Amino acid sequence: MFAGTVVVVVVVVVVVVVVVLVVVLVVVVVVVVVALVVVVVAVVVVIVVVPVVIIVVVPVVIIVVVPVVIIVVVPVVIIVVAVVIIVVVPVVVVVVVVVVVVVVVVVVVVVVVVVVVVVVEHIKGKHFEDDDAVQKYVRRWFRGKPHEFFADGMRKLIWRWRTCVDKEGDYVEK
């Protein structure tokens, strides 16, 4: 009985070992086959696909894409640059010139108004016998200064002020 049990155990162990070896062999064969398939696919890609890409895609890019870029994109860029140069730059220049002129005119007007107000305030309340006295006073006020050309205008302004303002300084229609 003991001998039969040993034989059964040995047979079972041998069968298990054989089955395990077969499974390992199948796994190794599958791995080797998959590796060979991957290598073959890689070789086919390198041998077939790369030359096809070089032979087909590169010429298509050279024949189709480059001319499209040259025919469509380059003129559009040239037109945009030309529009910027022809339209935008002059508009910017005109706007800048207008702004500078407006600023200069505003500054000149403010300076003239300030000078007129200062002179009028200075000579308010003074009594002048006639127009010549006003003119002499204004000339004396501006003597030696580059503002003498204001004298005549100031004389008229003061004369108008003197004839339209009462003794309290209120405006009166005459």
Protein backbone atom coordinates (compact mmCIF):
# COMPACT_ATOMS: atom_id res chain seq x y z
CA MET A 1 0.00 0.00 0.00
CA PHE A 2 2.82 2.29 0.89
CA ALA A 3 4.48 1.65 -2.44
CA GLY A 4 1.27 2.52 -4.28
CA THR A 5 0.94 5.76 -2.41
CA VAL A 6 4.51 6.71 -3.21
CA VAL A 7 3.91 5.95 -6.87
CA VAL A 8 0.75 8.08 -6.88
CA VAL A 9 2.55 10.94 -5.15
CA VAL A 10 5.47 10.70 -7.58
CA VAL A 11 3.10 10.61 -10.54
CA VAL A 12 1.17 13.60 -9.22
CA VAL A 13 4.40 15.53 -8.61
CA VAL A 14 5.68 14.64 -12.08
CA VAL A 15 2.36 15.67 -13.65
CA VAL A 16 2.35 18.96 -11.73
CA VAL A 17 5.96 19.64 -12.70
CA VAL A 18 5.23 18.81 -16.33
CA VAL A 19 2.12 21.02 -16.33
CA VAL A 20 4.06 23.89 -14.75
CA LEU A 21 6.87 23.43 -17.27
CA VAL A 22 4.37 23.38 -20.14
CA VAL A 23 2.69 26.54 -18.84
CA VAL A 24 6.07 28.26 -18.45
CA LEU A 25 7.05 27.11 -21.93
CA VAL A 26 3.77 28.44 -23.37
CA VAL A 27 4.26 31.78 -21.61
CA VAL A 28 7.84 31.99 -22.89
CA VAL A 29 6.71 31.11 -26.41
CA VAL A 30 3.92 33.73 -26.26
CA VAL A 31 6.33 36.38 -24.99
CA VAL A 32 8.86 35.50 -27.69
CA VAL A 33 6.17 35.55 -30.38
CA VAL A 34 4.84 38.92 -29.18
CA ALA A 35 8.39 40.27 -29.10
CA LEU A 36 9.00 38.98 -32.61
CA VAL A 37 5.73 40.53 -33.81
CA VAL A 38 6.72 43.87 -32.27
CA VAL A 39 10.15 43.66 -33.89
CA VAL A 40 8.61 42.71 -37.24
CA VAL A 41 6.10 45.57 -37.01
CA ALA A 42 8.89 47.98 -36.09
CA VAL A 43 10.99 46.77 -38.99
CA VAL A 44 8.01 47.06 -41.34
CA VAL A 45 7.33 50.57 -40.07
CA VAL A 46 10.95 51.55 -40.54
CA ILE A 47 11.25 49.86 -43.91
CA VAL A 48 7.79 50.65 -45.34
CA VAL A 49 6.11 53.55 -43.51
CA VAL A 50 9.11 55.88 -43.17
CA PRO A 51 9.96 55.72 -46.88
CA VAL A 52 6.27 56.19 -47.73
CA VAL A 53 6.18 59.25 -45.49
CA ILE A 54 9.38 60.52 -47.06
CA ILE A 55 8.19 59.73 -50.58
CA VAL A 56 4.54 60.83 -50.22
CA VAL A 57 4.10 63.26 -47.33
CA VAL A 58 7.21 65.40 -47.80
CA PRO A 59 6.49 66.09 -51.48
CA VAL A 60 2.83 66.82 -50.65
CA VAL A 61 3.99 69.30 -48.03
CA ILE A 62 6.46 70.81 -50.48
CA ILE A 63 4.00 70.82 -53.39
CA VAL A 64 0.80 71.82 -51.52
CA VAL A 65 1.58 73.50 -48.21
CA VAL A 66 4.54 75.66 -49.25
CA PRO A 67 2.73 77.17 -52.27
CA VAL A 68 -0.39 77.76 -50.18
CA VAL A 69 1.75 79.59 -47.64
CA ILE A 70 3.46 81.54 -50.41
CA ILE A 71 0.24 82.27 -52.32
CA VAL A 72 -2.11 82.94 -49.38
CA VAL A 73 -0.24 83.75 -46.19
CA VAL A 74 2.54 85.96 -47.60
CA PRO A 75 0.16 88.27 -49.52
CA VAL A 76 -2.12 88.53 -46.49
CA VAL A 77 0.85 89.52 -44.33
CA ILE A 78 1.98 92.02 -46.99
CA ILE A 79 -1.55 93.49 -47.22
CA VAL A 80 -1.83 93.78 -43.43
CA VAL A 81 1.56 95.50 -43.21
CA ALA A 82 0.63 97.80 -46.11
CA VAL A 83 -2.69 98.71 -44.47
CA VAL A 84 -0.90 99.45 -41.23
CA ILE A 85 1.66 101.61 -43.06
CA ILE A 86 -0.87 103.35 -45.34
CA VAL A 87 -3.80 103.80 -42.94
CA VAL A 88 -2.81 103.38 -39.32
CA VAL A 89 0.48 105.30 -39.34
CA PRO A 90 -0.98 108.44 -41.00
CA VAL A 91 -4.00 108.34 -38.68
CA VAL A 92 -1.70 108.09 -35.67
CA VAL A 93 0.45 110.93 -37.03
CA VAL A 94 -2.63 113.11 -37.66
CA VAL A 95 -4.01 112.36 -34.20
CA VAL A 96 -0.66 113.18 -32.60
CA VAL A 97 -0.36 116.43 -34.61
CA VAL A 98 -3.94 117.44 -33.74
CA VAL A 99 -3.35 116.70 -30.06
CA VAL A 100 -0.11 118.70 -30.08
CA VAL A 101 -1.77 121.63 -31.88
CA VAL A 102 -4.74 121.59 -29.48
CA VAL A 103 -2.41 121.48 -26.47
CA VAL A 104 -0.32 124.37 -27.85
CA VAL A 105 -3.45 126.43 -28.63
CA VAL A 106 -4.89 125.75 -25.16
CA VAL A 107 -1.60 126.70 -23.51
CA VAL A 108 -1.35 129.93 -25.56
CA VAL A 109 -4.98 130.85 -24.81
CA VAL A 110 -4.49 130.16 -21.10
CA VAL A 111 -1.31 132.27 -21.04
CA VAL A 112 -3.03 135.16 -22.88
CA VAL A 113 -6.08 135.00 -20.59
CA VAL A 114 -3.86 134.93 -17.50
CA VAL A 115 -1.86 137.94 -18.75
CA VAL A 116 -5.05 139.86 -19.59
CA VAL A 117 -6.67 139.03 -16.24
CA VAL A 118 -3.53 139.98 -14.31
CA VAL A 119 -3.20 143.32 -16.13
CA VAL A 120 -6.91 144.12 -15.86
CA GLU A 121 -6.96 143.26 -12.17
CA HIS A 122 -3.84 145.37 -11.69
CA ILE A 123 -5.30 148.49 -13.23
CA LYS A 124 -8.88 148.09 -12.00
CA GLY A 125 -9.89 150.99 -9.87
CA LYS A 126 -7.26 153.35 -11.32
CA HIS A 127 -8.67 156.53 -12.79
CA PHE A 128 -7.52 157.52 -16.27
CA GLU A 129 -8.29 160.91 -17.78
CA ASP A 130 -8.50 159.65 -21.36
CA ASP A 131 -7.60 156.88 -23.74
CA ASP A 132 -4.00 158.13 -24.11
CA ALA A 133 -3.44 157.83 -20.37
CA VAL A 134 -4.59 154.21 -20.51
CA GLN A 135 -2.28 153.55 -23.45
CA LYS A 136 0.69 155.18 -21.68
CA TYR A 137 0.02 153.17 -18.52
CA VAL A 138 -0.24 149.92 -20.45
CA ARG A 139 2.95 150.72 -22.39
CA ARG A 140 4.74 151.47 -19.14
CA TRP A 141 3.38 148.17 -17.74
CA PHE A 142 4.85 146.21 -20.67
CA ARG A 143 8.00 148.33 -21.16
CA GLY A 144 11.06 146.24 -21.95
CA LYS A 145 9.04 143.05 -22.19
CA PRO A 146 8.31 140.96 -25.27
CA HIS A 147 4.59 141.34 -24.60
CA GLU A 148 4.33 144.90 -25.96
CA PHE A 149 2.19 143.74 -28.85
CA PHE A 150 -0.58 143.18 -26.27
CA ALA A 151 -0.66 146.90 -25.46
CA ASP A 152 -3.21 147.96 -28.08
CA GLY A 153 -5.53 145.07 -27.30
CA MET A 154 -5.17 145.75 -23.59
CA ARG A 155 -5.97 149.44 -24.16
CA LYS A 156 -9.20 148.51 -25.96
CA LEU A 157 -10.06 145.95 -23.30
CA ILE A 158 -9.48 148.42 -20.48
CA TRP A 159 -11.42 151.15 -22.28
CA ARG A 160 -14.35 148.76 -22.76
CA TRP A 161 -14.13 147.71 -19.12
CA ARG A 162 -13.96 151.34 -17.91
CA THR A 163 -16.94 152.43 -19.96
CA CYS A 164 -19.13 149.45 -18.97
CA VAL A 165 -18.42 149.25 -15.22
CA ASP A 166 -19.80 151.59 -12.58
CA LYS A 167 -17.86 152.86 -9.55
CA GLU A 168 -18.67 149.71 -7.53
CA GLY A 169 -17.25 147.50 -10.30
CA ASP A 170 -20.62 146.16 -11.53
CA TYR A 171 -21.22 145.71 -15.26
CA VAL A 172 -23.55 148.34 -16.71
CA GLU A 173 -25.05 148.51 -20.22
CA LYS A 174 -24.47 151.96 -21.79
